Amino acid sequence: MNQFVVKPVSNAEKAVGENRNQKRTQASIWKEVIEALVDPTAGMEEPERANYEQKIMQKLRTGKRLSSEELDYLRIHNPDLYRTAMRVENSRKALRTKLSNCKSKEEAQQVISDQMEVLKASKDDPDQAYMAEMVKKEVETFKKSSAYAKLPATKEEAKKKHKAKDLAESPWKEEKAGENLQKAAIYSRMQVQCETISKLAQGFV
């Protein structure tokens, strides 16, 4: 009959195990600290965090751009919605590039029509509703801009006034100004968080 002998754990093995647990604990702490650094809802109570996510959802539903902080929140707390938001944002950038390169209102209308056809063809896409609202928002913003107003009506006129577009302002000038204010607020918050991380790091030295 075989007998199983329990081998006593040496002090050295105990030390190795404790060291691994300590490293694992430190790694988990650092992970939480780094996530807190980029998480705009760090320190919020659950109702406040839920309200924050609802605001993000509302922005997506109405075609508005999400801030970098809002995208960070989704990446940490809602990966599925984050993938949707990034897909919408990439499509937004592509549409803006096409519209910005238009030399006439006629050309811009063709870009818009092509985009509408793409939306119709993707009616079974789970993100289609978000995409449609984004396109609607971007087209409205573009058509209200001075850049669009200064465009010649036709391609033929554009050839005669090829420098007209260079004189127009960006259709998204106001949005960029708002982004600069957001970046200043983020920088201020990160300074405070970096000081917290620095104090925590001194505890591991």
N, C-alpha and C. Protein backbone atom coordinates (compact mmCIF):
# COMPACT_ATOMS: atom_id res chain seq x y z
N MET A 1 0.85 -1.21 0.00
CA MET A 1 0.00 0.00 0.00
C MET A 1 0.88 1.26 0.00
N ASN A 2 0.58 2.13 -1.00
CA ASN A 2 1.39 3.34 -1.11
C ASN A 2 1.00 4.36 -0.07
N GLN A 3 1.95 5.01 0.48
CA GLN A 3 1.70 6.06 1.46
C GLN A 3 2.20 7.39 0.92
N PHE A 4 1.38 8.40 1.09
CA PHE A 4 1.77 9.72 0.63
C PHE A 4 2.42 10.46 1.78
N VAL A 5 3.59 10.96 1.53
CA VAL A 5 4.34 11.68 2.55
C VAL A 5 4.25 13.16 2.27
N VAL A 6 3.77 13.92 3.23
CA VAL A 6 3.69 15.36 3.07
C VAL A 6 5.04 15.98 3.36
N LYS A 7 5.59 16.56 2.35
CA LYS A 7 6.92 17.16 2.49
C LYS A 7 6.81 18.50 3.20
N PRO A 8 7.53 18.70 4.26
CA PRO A 8 7.47 19.99 4.96
C PRO A 8 7.99 21.13 4.09
N VAL A 9 7.35 22.27 4.21
CA VAL A 9 7.75 23.43 3.41
C VAL A 9 8.90 24.13 4.11
N SER A 10 9.97 24.33 3.37
CA SER A 10 11.15 24.97 3.95
C SER A 10 10.91 26.47 4.12
N ASN A 11 11.74 27.07 4.94
CA ASN A 11 11.64 28.52 5.15
C ASN A 11 11.89 29.28 3.86
N ALA A 12 12.79 28.73 3.04
CA ALA A 12 13.12 29.39 1.76
C ALA A 12 11.91 29.38 0.84
N GLU A 13 11.20 28.22 0.79
CA GLU A 13 10.02 28.12 -0.06
C GLU A 13 8.91 29.04 0.44
N LYS A 14 8.80 29.14 1.77
CA LYS A 14 7.81 30.05 2.34
C LYS A 14 8.11 31.49 1.94
N ALA A 15 9.39 31.82 1.97
CA ALA A 15 9.81 33.18 1.62
C ALA A 15 9.48 33.50 0.17
N VAL A 16 9.72 32.50 -0.72
CA VAL A 16 9.44 32.68 -2.15
C VAL A 16 7.94 32.90 -2.35
N GLY A 17 7.13 32.07 -1.68
CA GLY A 17 5.68 32.20 -1.79
C GLY A 17 5.19 33.54 -1.30
N GLU A 18 5.71 33.99 -0.16
CA GLU A 18 5.32 35.28 0.39
C GLU A 18 5.73 36.42 -0.54
N ASN A 19 6.93 36.26 -1.14
CA ASN A 19 7.42 37.29 -2.05
C ASN A 19 6.53 37.40 -3.29
N ARG A 20 6.10 36.20 -3.80
CA ARG A 20 5.21 36.21 -4.95
C ARG A 20 3.88 36.86 -4.63
N ASN A 21 3.35 36.56 -3.45
CA ASN A 21 2.09 37.16 -3.03
C ASN A 21 2.22 38.66 -2.89
N GLN A 22 3.38 39.07 -2.37
CA GLN A 22 3.62 40.50 -2.19
C GLN A 22 3.68 41.21 -3.55
N LYS A 23 4.38 40.56 -4.53
CA LYS A 23 4.48 41.15 -5.85
C LYS A 23 3.11 41.22 -6.52
N ARG A 24 2.34 40.14 -6.31
CA ARG A 24 1.01 40.09 -6.89
C ARG A 24 0.14 41.21 -6.31
N THR A 25 0.29 41.42 -5.00
CA THR A 25 -0.48 42.48 -4.34
C THR A 25 -0.06 43.84 -4.85
N GLN A 26 1.25 44.04 -4.98
CA GLN A 26 1.75 45.32 -5.48
C GLN A 26 1.28 45.56 -6.91
N ALA A 27 1.29 44.50 -7.74
CA ALA A 27 0.86 44.63 -9.13
C ALA A 27 -0.61 45.02 -9.21
N SER A 28 -1.43 44.41 -8.35
CA SER A 28 -2.86 44.73 -8.36
C SER A 28 -3.09 46.16 -7.87
N ILE A 29 -2.29 46.58 -6.91
CA ILE A 29 -2.41 47.96 -6.41
C ILE A 29 -2.05 48.96 -7.51
N TRP A 30 -0.94 48.68 -8.19
CA TRP A 30 -0.51 49.58 -9.26
C TRP A 30 -1.55 49.64 -10.38
N LYS A 31 -2.16 48.48 -10.68
CA LYS A 31 -3.19 48.43 -11.72
C LYS A 31 -4.37 49.33 -11.34
N GLU A 32 -4.76 49.25 -10.07
CA GLU A 32 -5.87 50.07 -9.60
C GLU A 32 -5.51 51.56 -9.62
N VAL A 33 -4.27 51.85 -9.25
CA VAL A 33 -3.82 53.25 -9.24
C VAL A 33 -3.80 53.83 -10.64
N ILE A 34 -3.27 53.05 -11.60
CA ILE A 34 -3.18 53.53 -12.98
C ILE A 34 -4.57 53.73 -13.58
N GLU A 35 -5.47 52.78 -13.28
CA GLU A 35 -6.84 52.92 -13.78
C GLU A 35 -7.52 54.14 -13.16
N ALA A 36 -7.25 54.37 -11.88
CA ALA A 36 -7.83 55.53 -11.22
C ALA A 36 -7.32 56.84 -11.82
N LEU A 37 -6.09 56.79 -12.32
CA LEU A 37 -5.47 57.97 -12.92
C LEU A 37 -6.24 58.42 -14.16
N VAL A 38 -6.72 57.45 -14.96
CA VAL A 38 -7.41 57.79 -16.21
C VAL A 38 -8.93 57.67 -16.09
N ASP A 39 -9.41 57.16 -14.96
CA ASP A 39 -10.85 56.99 -14.78
C ASP A 39 -11.46 58.27 -14.21
N PRO A 40 -12.29 58.97 -15.00
CA PRO A 40 -12.88 60.22 -14.52
C PRO A 40 -13.87 60.03 -13.38
N THR A 41 -14.31 58.78 -13.15
CA THR A 41 -15.28 58.54 -12.08
C THR A 41 -14.63 57.96 -10.82
N ALA A 42 -13.31 57.96 -10.79
CA ALA A 42 -12.62 57.45 -9.61
C ALA A 42 -13.04 58.25 -8.38
N GLY A 43 -13.48 57.55 -7.34
CA GLY A 43 -13.91 58.22 -6.12
C GLY A 43 -15.39 58.58 -6.09
N MET A 44 -16.07 58.35 -7.22
CA MET A 44 -17.51 58.65 -7.26
C MET A 44 -18.31 57.54 -6.58
N GLU A 45 -19.46 57.90 -6.04
CA GLU A 45 -20.40 56.92 -5.53
C GLU A 45 -21.11 56.28 -6.73
N GLU A 46 -21.68 55.08 -6.52
CA GLU A 46 -22.30 54.34 -7.61
C GLU A 46 -23.40 55.12 -8.35
N PRO A 47 -24.31 55.81 -7.63
CA PRO A 47 -25.34 56.58 -8.35
C PRO A 47 -24.76 57.65 -9.25
N GLU A 48 -23.69 58.30 -8.77
CA GLU A 48 -23.04 59.36 -9.56
C GLU A 48 -22.37 58.76 -10.79
N ARG A 49 -21.75 57.58 -10.62
CA ARG A 49 -21.10 56.90 -11.74
C ARG A 49 -22.14 56.46 -12.78
N ALA A 50 -23.27 55.94 -12.31
CA ALA A 50 -24.34 55.52 -13.23
C ALA A 50 -24.87 56.71 -14.02
N ASN A 51 -24.97 57.85 -13.36
CA ASN A 51 -25.43 59.07 -14.03
C ASN A 51 -24.43 59.51 -15.08
N TYR A 52 -23.15 59.36 -14.78
CA TYR A 52 -22.09 59.72 -15.73
C TYR A 52 -22.20 58.86 -16.99
N GLU A 53 -22.43 57.55 -16.80
CA GLU A 53 -22.55 56.65 -17.95
C GLU A 53 -23.79 56.97 -18.77
N GLN A 54 -24.87 57.36 -18.11
CA GLN A 54 -26.08 57.73 -18.83
C GLN A 54 -25.85 58.94 -19.73
N LYS A 55 -25.05 59.88 -19.24
CA LYS A 55 -24.72 61.07 -20.04
C LYS A 55 -23.92 60.68 -21.27
N ILE A 56 -23.03 59.71 -21.10
CA ILE A 56 -22.25 59.21 -22.24
C ILE A 56 -23.18 58.57 -23.26
N MET A 57 -24.10 57.75 -22.78
CA MET A 57 -25.05 57.10 -23.67
C MET A 57 -25.88 58.13 -24.44
N GLN A 58 -26.28 59.18 -23.76
CA GLN A 58 -27.08 60.22 -24.40
C GLN A 58 -26.29 60.92 -25.49
N LYS A 59 -25.02 61.15 -25.25
CA LYS A 59 -24.18 61.79 -26.27
C LYS A 59 -24.04 60.88 -27.50
N LEU A 60 -23.85 59.58 -27.26
CA LEU A 60 -23.75 58.64 -28.37
C LEU A 60 -25.05 58.59 -29.18
N ARG A 61 -26.17 58.60 -28.46
CA ARG A 61 -27.47 58.51 -29.13
C ARG A 61 -27.78 59.74 -29.97
N THR A 62 -27.18 60.88 -29.63
CA THR A 62 -27.44 62.11 -30.36
C THR A 62 -26.30 62.50 -31.30
N GLY A 63 -25.37 61.58 -31.50
CA GLY A 63 -24.31 61.80 -32.48
C GLY A 63 -23.17 62.70 -32.06
N LYS A 64 -23.13 63.06 -30.77
CA LYS A 64 -22.06 63.95 -30.30
C LYS A 64 -20.76 63.18 -30.05
N ARG A 65 -19.67 63.92 -30.12
CA ARG A 65 -18.36 63.32 -29.85
C ARG A 65 -18.18 63.10 -28.36
N LEU A 66 -17.50 62.00 -28.03
CA LEU A 66 -17.15 61.75 -26.63
C LEU A 66 -15.78 62.34 -26.36
N SER A 67 -15.59 62.82 -25.15
CA SER A 67 -14.29 63.35 -24.76
C SER A 67 -13.33 62.18 -24.50
N SER A 68 -12.06 62.49 -24.38
CA SER A 68 -11.07 61.45 -24.09
C SER A 68 -11.34 60.82 -22.73
N GLU A 69 -11.81 61.61 -21.77
CA GLU A 69 -12.16 61.08 -20.44
C GLU A 69 -13.32 60.10 -20.53
N GLU A 70 -14.32 60.45 -21.32
CA GLU A 70 -15.48 59.57 -21.46
C GLU A 70 -15.10 58.26 -22.14
N LEU A 71 -14.20 58.34 -23.11
CA LEU A 71 -13.72 57.12 -23.77
C LEU A 71 -12.92 56.26 -22.79
N ASP A 72 -12.13 56.91 -21.94
CA ASP A 72 -11.37 56.16 -20.92
C ASP A 72 -12.32 55.43 -19.98
N TYR A 73 -13.41 56.10 -19.61
CA TYR A 73 -14.40 55.47 -18.73
C TYR A 73 -14.96 54.21 -19.37
N LEU A 74 -15.35 54.31 -20.65
CA LEU A 74 -15.92 53.15 -21.33
C LEU A 74 -14.90 52.03 -21.47
N ARG A 75 -13.66 52.40 -21.75
CA ARG A 75 -12.62 51.37 -21.91
C ARG A 75 -12.44 50.57 -20.63
N ILE A 76 -12.56 51.23 -19.49
CA ILE A 76 -12.37 50.56 -18.20
C ILE A 76 -13.63 49.83 -17.74
N HIS A 77 -14.80 50.47 -17.91
CA HIS A 77 -16.03 49.95 -17.30
C HIS A 77 -17.01 49.30 -18.27
N ASN A 78 -16.90 49.62 -19.56
CA ASN A 78 -17.86 49.08 -20.53
C ASN A 78 -17.15 48.83 -21.86
N PRO A 79 -16.34 47.77 -21.95
CA PRO A 79 -15.54 47.50 -23.16
C PRO A 79 -16.37 47.35 -24.43
N ASP A 80 -17.55 46.76 -24.34
CA ASP A 80 -18.38 46.58 -25.53
C ASP A 80 -18.83 47.93 -26.10
N LEU A 81 -19.29 48.80 -25.22
CA LEU A 81 -19.71 50.13 -25.67
C LEU A 81 -18.50 50.96 -26.12
N TYR A 82 -17.35 50.70 -25.52
CA TYR A 82 -16.12 51.39 -25.93
C TYR A 82 -15.79 51.06 -27.39
N ARG A 83 -15.92 49.76 -27.76
CA ARG A 83 -15.65 49.37 -29.15
C ARG A 83 -16.62 50.06 -30.11
N THR A 84 -17.87 50.16 -29.69
CA THR A 84 -18.86 50.86 -30.51
C THR A 84 -18.49 52.34 -30.66
N ALA A 85 -18.16 52.97 -29.53
CA ALA A 85 -17.81 54.39 -29.54
C ALA A 85 -16.60 54.67 -30.43
N MET A 86 -15.59 53.80 -30.37
CA MET A 86 -14.39 53.99 -31.18
C MET A 86 -14.70 53.79 -32.67
N ARG A 87 -15.58 52.85 -32.94
CA ARG A 87 -15.97 52.62 -34.33
C ARG A 87 -16.69 53.85 -34.89
N VAL A 88 -17.59 54.41 -34.09
CA VAL A 88 -18.30 55.61 -34.50
C VAL A 88 -17.33 56.78 -34.68
N GLU A 89 -16.37 56.90 -33.77
CA GLU A 89 -15.41 58.00 -33.84
C GLU A 89 -14.51 57.89 -35.07
N ASN A 90 -14.09 56.68 -35.39
CA ASN A 90 -13.26 56.48 -36.59
C ASN A 90 -14.04 56.82 -37.86
N SER A 91 -15.32 56.47 -37.88
CA SER A 91 -16.17 56.81 -39.02
C SER A 91 -16.38 58.31 -39.11
N ARG A 92 -16.49 58.96 -37.94
CA ARG A 92 -16.64 60.41 -37.90
C ARG A 92 -15.41 61.09 -38.52
N LYS A 93 -14.23 60.63 -38.13
CA LYS A 93 -12.99 61.22 -38.64
C LYS A 93 -12.91 61.07 -40.15
N ALA A 94 -13.30 59.88 -40.65
CA ALA A 94 -13.26 59.64 -42.10
C ALA A 94 -14.23 60.57 -42.83
N LEU A 95 -15.44 60.76 -42.27
CA LEU A 95 -16.42 61.64 -42.89
C LEU A 95 -15.95 63.09 -42.87
N ARG A 96 -15.39 63.52 -41.75
CA ARG A 96 -14.89 64.89 -41.66
C ARG A 96 -13.79 65.15 -42.69
N THR A 97 -12.93 64.18 -42.87
CA THR A 97 -11.85 64.33 -43.85
C THR A 97 -12.42 64.50 -45.25
N LYS A 98 -13.41 63.68 -45.58
CA LYS A 98 -14.03 63.77 -46.91
C LYS A 98 -14.71 65.12 -47.11
N LEU A 99 -15.46 65.57 -46.10
CA LEU A 99 -16.16 66.85 -46.22
C LEU A 99 -15.18 68.02 -46.29
N SER A 100 -14.12 67.94 -45.51
CA SER A 100 -13.12 69.02 -45.49
C SER A 100 -12.39 69.14 -46.83
N ASN A 101 -12.30 68.04 -47.56
CA ASN A 101 -11.60 68.05 -48.85
C ASN A 101 -12.49 68.45 -50.02
N CYS A 102 -13.77 68.67 -49.75
CA CYS A 102 -14.69 69.05 -50.83
C CYS A 102 -14.38 70.46 -51.33
N LYS A 103 -14.41 70.63 -52.63
CA LYS A 103 -14.12 71.93 -53.24
C LYS A 103 -15.38 72.69 -53.63
N SER A 104 -16.54 72.03 -53.52
CA SER A 104 -17.79 72.69 -53.88
C SER A 104 -18.95 72.08 -53.08
N LYS A 105 -20.08 72.81 -53.04
CA LYS A 105 -21.28 72.28 -52.38
C LYS A 105 -21.78 71.04 -53.10
N GLU A 106 -21.62 71.03 -54.38
CA GLU A 106 -22.04 69.88 -55.18
C GLU A 106 -21.26 68.63 -54.78
N GLU A 107 -19.97 68.79 -54.62
CA GLU A 107 -19.12 67.67 -54.21
C GLU A 107 -19.45 67.21 -52.79
N ALA A 108 -19.72 68.17 -51.91
CA ALA A 108 -20.08 67.84 -50.53
C ALA A 108 -21.38 67.06 -50.48
N GLN A 109 -22.34 67.47 -51.30
CA GLN A 109 -23.62 66.76 -51.34
C GLN A 109 -23.45 65.33 -51.83
N GLN A 110 -22.52 65.13 -52.74
CA GLN A 110 -22.27 63.78 -53.22
C GLN A 110 -21.67 62.91 -52.11
N VAL A 111 -20.78 63.49 -51.32
CA VAL A 111 -20.20 62.76 -50.19
C VAL A 111 -21.30 62.38 -49.20
N ILE A 112 -22.19 63.32 -48.92
CA ILE A 112 -23.29 63.07 -47.98
C ILE A 112 -24.22 61.98 -48.51
N SER A 113 -24.54 62.06 -49.80
CA SER A 113 -25.42 61.06 -50.42
C SER A 113 -24.80 59.67 -50.35
N ASP A 114 -23.50 59.60 -50.63
CA ASP A 114 -22.80 58.31 -50.56
C ASP A 114 -22.85 57.74 -49.14
N GLN A 115 -22.68 58.63 -48.16
CA GLN A 115 -22.71 58.18 -46.77
C GLN A 115 -24.10 57.67 -46.38
N MET A 116 -25.13 58.30 -46.88
CA MET A 116 -26.50 57.85 -46.60
C MET A 116 -26.76 56.47 -47.22
N GLU A 117 -26.20 56.24 -48.38
CA GLU A 117 -26.36 54.93 -49.03
C GLU A 117 -25.68 53.84 -48.21
N VAL A 118 -24.53 54.18 -47.65
CA VAL A 118 -23.81 53.22 -46.80
C VAL A 118 -24.66 52.87 -45.58
N LEU A 119 -25.30 53.87 -44.98
CA LEU A 119 -26.15 53.64 -43.81
C LEU A 119 -27.35 52.75 -44.16
N LYS A 120 -27.94 52.99 -45.30
CA LYS A 120 -29.08 52.18 -45.72
C LYS A 120 -28.68 50.72 -45.93
N ALA A 121 -27.49 50.53 -46.45
CA ALA A 121 -27.02 49.17 -46.73
C ALA A 121 -26.63 48.42 -45.47
N SER A 122 -26.43 49.15 -44.37
CA SER A 122 -26.00 48.52 -43.12
C SER A 122 -27.10 48.55 -42.06
N LYS A 123 -28.34 48.38 -42.49
CA LYS A 123 -29.48 48.46 -41.56
C LYS A 123 -29.46 47.37 -40.50
N ASP A 124 -28.77 46.25 -40.77
CA ASP A 124 -28.68 45.16 -39.79
C ASP A 124 -27.49 45.32 -38.84
N ASP A 125 -26.71 46.36 -39.04
CA ASP A 125 -25.55 46.63 -38.19
C ASP A 125 -26.04 47.05 -36.80
N PRO A 126 -25.59 46.39 -35.72
CA PRO A 126 -26.03 46.77 -34.36
C PRO A 126 -25.66 48.19 -33.98
N ASP A 127 -24.65 48.76 -34.65
CA ASP A 127 -24.24 50.13 -34.35
C ASP A 127 -24.85 51.15 -35.32
N GLN A 128 -25.76 50.71 -36.16
CA GLN A 128 -26.29 51.56 -37.21
C GLN A 128 -26.95 52.83 -36.68
N ALA A 129 -27.69 52.70 -35.57
CA ALA A 129 -28.39 53.86 -34.99
C ALA A 129 -27.39 54.93 -34.55
N TYR A 130 -26.30 54.49 -33.91
CA TYR A 130 -25.26 55.43 -33.47
C TYR A 130 -24.60 56.09 -34.69
N MET A 131 -24.33 55.28 -35.70
CA MET A 131 -23.69 55.79 -36.92
C MET A 131 -24.59 56.83 -37.60
N ALA A 132 -25.88 56.53 -37.69
CA ALA A 132 -26.81 57.43 -38.35
C ALA A 132 -26.88 58.79 -37.65
N GLU A 133 -26.92 58.77 -36.31
CA GLU A 133 -26.97 60.03 -35.56
C GLU A 133 -25.68 60.81 -35.69
N MET A 134 -24.57 60.09 -35.75
CA MET A 134 -23.28 60.76 -35.93
C MET A 134 -23.23 61.47 -37.28
N VAL A 135 -23.66 60.78 -38.34
CA VAL A 135 -23.66 61.37 -39.68
C VAL A 135 -24.58 62.60 -39.72
N LYS A 136 -25.76 62.46 -39.12
CA LYS A 136 -26.71 63.57 -39.07
C LYS A 136 -26.10 64.78 -38.38
N LYS A 137 -25.44 64.55 -37.24
CA LYS A 137 -24.80 65.63 -36.48
C LYS A 137 -23.69 66.31 -37.27
N GLU A 138 -22.84 65.50 -37.90
CA GLU A 138 -21.71 66.05 -38.66
C GLU A 138 -22.17 66.84 -39.87
N VAL A 139 -23.17 66.34 -40.56
CA VAL A 139 -23.69 67.03 -41.75
C VAL A 139 -24.31 68.37 -41.35
N GLU A 140 -25.08 68.39 -40.26
CA GLU A 140 -25.69 69.64 -39.78
C GLU A 140 -24.61 70.67 -39.42
N THR A 141 -23.59 70.21 -38.70
CA THR A 141 -22.50 71.11 -38.29
C THR A 141 -21.78 71.67 -39.51
N PHE A 142 -21.51 70.79 -40.46
CA PHE A 142 -20.77 71.20 -41.66
C PHE A 142 -21.56 72.22 -42.48
N LYS A 143 -22.87 71.98 -42.65
CA LYS A 143 -23.68 72.87 -43.48
C LYS A 143 -23.93 74.22 -42.83
N LYS A 144 -23.79 74.29 -41.51
CA LYS A 144 -23.97 75.57 -40.81
C LYS A 144 -22.66 76.37 -40.74
N SER A 145 -21.57 75.78 -41.16
CA SER A 145 -20.25 76.40 -41.00
C SER A 145 -19.96 77.42 -42.09
N SER A 146 -19.03 78.33 -41.78
CA SER A 146 -18.59 79.31 -42.78
C SER A 146 -17.82 78.63 -43.90
N ALA A 147 -17.19 77.50 -43.57
CA ALA A 147 -16.43 76.75 -44.58
C ALA A 147 -17.36 76.29 -45.70
N TYR A 148 -18.52 75.78 -45.31
CA TYR A 148 -19.50 75.32 -46.32
C TYR A 148 -20.09 76.51 -47.07
N ALA A 149 -20.40 77.57 -46.33
CA ALA A 149 -21.01 78.76 -46.95
C ALA A 149 -20.12 79.36 -48.03
N LYS A 150 -18.82 79.29 -47.85
CA LYS A 150 -17.89 79.88 -48.79
C LYS A 150 -17.55 78.98 -49.98
N LEU A 151 -18.05 77.75 -49.94
CA LEU A 151 -17.77 76.85 -51.05
C LEU A 151 -18.55 77.28 -52.30
N PRO A 152 -17.95 77.19 -53.47
CA PRO A 152 -18.69 77.44 -54.72
C PRO A 152 -19.79 76.39 -54.87
N ALA A 153 -20.83 76.73 -55.61
CA ALA A 153 -21.97 75.83 -55.74
C ALA A 153 -21.62 74.57 -56.53
N THR A 154 -20.87 74.72 -57.61
CA THR A 154 -20.59 73.58 -58.50
C THR A 154 -19.09 73.34 -58.64
N LYS A 155 -18.77 72.18 -59.20
CA LYS A 155 -17.37 71.83 -59.43
C LYS A 155 -16.73 72.78 -60.44
N GLU A 156 -17.53 73.22 -61.41
CA GLU A 156 -17.01 74.14 -62.42
C GLU A 156 -16.60 75.46 -61.80
N GLU A 157 -17.46 75.97 -60.90
CA GLU A 157 -17.15 77.23 -60.22
C GLU A 157 -15.93 77.05 -59.31
N ALA A 158 -15.80 75.85 -58.74
CA ALA A 158 -14.68 75.58 -57.84
C ALA A 158 -13.35 75.68 -58.56
N LYS A 159 -13.34 75.30 -59.83
CA LYS A 159 -12.10 75.36 -60.60
C LYS A 159 -11.64 76.80 -60.80
N LYS A 160 -12.62 77.71 -60.85
CA LYS A 160 -12.30 79.13 -61.02
C LYS A 160 -11.92 79.80 -59.70
N LYS A 161 -12.43 79.22 -58.59
CA LYS A 161 -12.17 79.81 -57.27
C LYS A 161 -11.51 78.78 -56.36
N HIS A 162 -10.45 78.17 -56.85
CA HIS A 162 -9.82 77.06 -56.12
C HIS A 162 -9.21 77.47 -54.80
N LYS A 163 -9.03 78.79 -54.56
CA LYS A 163 -8.45 79.25 -53.30
C LYS A 163 -9.51 79.62 -52.27
N ALA A 164 -10.77 79.56 -52.65
CA ALA A 164 -11.84 79.99 -51.74
C ALA A 164 -11.88 79.17 -50.47
N LYS A 165 -11.68 77.87 -50.59
CA LYS A 165 -11.76 76.98 -49.43
C LYS A 165 -10.66 77.28 -48.41
N ASP A 166 -9.49 77.71 -48.92
CA ASP A 166 -8.38 78.00 -48.01
C ASP A 166 -8.69 79.17 -47.08
N LEU A 167 -9.63 80.05 -47.47
CA LEU A 167 -9.94 81.22 -46.67
C LEU A 167 -10.98 80.92 -45.60
N ALA A 168 -11.64 79.77 -45.69
CA ALA A 168 -12.71 79.44 -44.75
C ALA A 168 -12.15 78.87 -43.46
N GLU A 169 -12.92 79.08 -42.39
CA GLU A 169 -12.54 78.52 -41.10
C GLU A 169 -12.95 77.05 -41.02
N SER A 170 -12.37 76.35 -40.08
CA SER A 170 -12.73 74.95 -39.88
C SER A 170 -14.18 74.84 -39.43
N PRO A 171 -14.94 73.88 -39.98
CA PRO A 171 -16.34 73.69 -39.57
C PRO A 171 -16.47 73.30 -38.10
N TRP A 172 -15.38 72.80 -37.54
CA TRP A 172 -15.43 72.30 -36.16
C TRP A 172 -14.55 73.15 -35.23
N LYS A 173 -14.46 74.46 -35.54
CA LYS A 173 -13.62 75.37 -34.77
C LYS A 173 -14.09 75.47 -33.32
N GLU A 174 -15.40 75.63 -33.09
CA GLU A 174 -15.93 75.76 -31.73
C GLU A 174 -15.69 74.50 -30.91
N GLU A 175 -15.83 73.37 -31.56
CA GLU A 175 -15.61 72.10 -30.86
C GLU A 175 -14.17 71.99 -30.38
N LYS A 176 -13.22 72.41 -31.21
CA LYS A 176 -11.81 72.35 -30.83
C LYS A 176 -11.51 73.28 -29.66
N ALA A 177 -12.17 74.42 -29.63
CA ALA A 177 -11.97 75.35 -28.51
C ALA A 177 -12.44 74.71 -27.21
N GLY A 178 -13.56 74.01 -27.28
CA GLY A 178 -14.07 73.31 -26.10
C GLY A 178 -13.14 72.19 -25.66
N GLU A 179 -12.54 71.52 -26.62
CA GLU A 179 -11.61 70.44 -26.31
C GLU A 179 -10.39 70.97 -25.58
N ASN A 180 -9.94 72.15 -25.95
CA ASN A 180 -8.78 72.74 -25.28
C ASN A 180 -9.07 73.02 -23.81
N LEU A 181 -10.30 73.48 -23.52
CA LEU A 181 -10.69 73.72 -22.12
C LEU A 181 -10.75 72.40 -21.36
N GLN A 182 -11.25 71.36 -22.01
CA GLN A 182 -11.32 70.04 -21.38
C GLN A 182 -9.93 69.51 -21.06
N LYS A 183 -9.00 69.71 -21.99
CA LYS A 183 -7.64 69.24 -21.78
C LYS A 183 -6.99 69.93 -20.59
N ALA A 184 -7.27 71.23 -20.42
CA ALA A 184 -6.72 71.97 -19.28
C ALA A 184 -7.26 71.41 -17.97
N ALA A 185 -8.54 71.05 -17.95
CA ALA A 185 -9.15 70.49 -16.74
C ALA A 185 -8.57 69.11 -16.44
N ILE A 186 -8.35 68.32 -17.50
CA ILE A 186 -7.78 66.98 -17.33
C ILE A 186 -6.36 67.08 -16.79
N TYR A 187 -5.60 68.03 -17.33
CA TYR A 187 -4.21 68.21 -16.89
C TYR A 187 -4.16 68.56 -15.40
N SER A 188 -5.07 69.42 -14.97
CA SER A 188 -5.11 69.82 -13.56
C SER A 188 -5.43 68.62 -12.67
N ARG A 189 -6.39 67.80 -13.10
CA ARG A 189 -6.76 66.62 -12.31
C ARG A 189 -5.63 65.61 -12.26
N MET A 190 -4.93 65.45 -13.38
CA MET A 190 -3.84 64.47 -13.43
C MET A 190 -2.67 64.88 -12.55
N GLN A 191 -2.45 66.19 -12.41
CA GLN A 191 -1.39 66.66 -11.53
C GLN A 191 -1.63 66.20 -10.10
N VAL A 192 -2.87 66.34 -9.64
CA VAL A 192 -3.24 65.90 -8.29
C VAL A 192 -3.05 64.40 -8.15
N GLN A 193 -3.49 63.64 -9.15
CA GLN A 193 -3.39 62.19 -9.09
C GLN A 193 -1.95 61.71 -9.15
N CYS A 194 -1.12 62.42 -9.91
CA CYS A 194 0.31 62.06 -9.99
C CYS A 194 0.98 62.23 -8.63
N GLU A 195 0.58 63.26 -7.90
CA GLU A 195 1.13 63.46 -6.56
C GLU A 195 0.75 62.30 -5.64
N THR A 196 -0.48 61.80 -5.80
CA THR A 196 -0.95 60.66 -5.01
C THR A 196 -0.15 59.42 -5.35
N ILE A 197 0.09 59.20 -6.64
CA ILE A 197 0.86 58.03 -7.08
C ILE A 197 2.29 58.11 -6.57
N SER A 198 2.86 59.33 -6.60
CA SER A 198 4.23 59.50 -6.12
C SER A 198 4.35 59.12 -4.65
N LYS A 199 3.36 59.51 -3.86
CA LYS A 199 3.40 59.16 -2.42
C LYS A 199 3.26 57.66 -2.23
N LEU A 200 2.41 57.05 -3.05
CA LEU A 200 2.22 55.60 -2.96
C LEU A 200 3.50 54.86 -3.35
N ALA A 201 4.17 55.36 -4.39
CA ALA A 201 5.40 54.72 -4.86
C ALA A 201 6.48 54.76 -3.79
N GLN A 202 6.53 55.83 -3.01
CA GLN A 202 7.55 55.94 -1.96
C GLN A 202 7.35 54.86 -0.91
N GLY A 203 6.13 54.37 -0.78
CA GLY A 203 5.85 53.32 0.19
C GLY A 203 6.39 51.96 -0.24
N PHE A 204 6.69 51.81 -1.55
CA PHE A 204 7.23 50.56 -2.05
C PHE A 204 8.75 50.55 -2.14
N VAL A 205 9.33 51.72 -1.90
CA VAL A 205 10.80 51.80 -1.99
C VAL A 205 11.46 51.15 -0.77
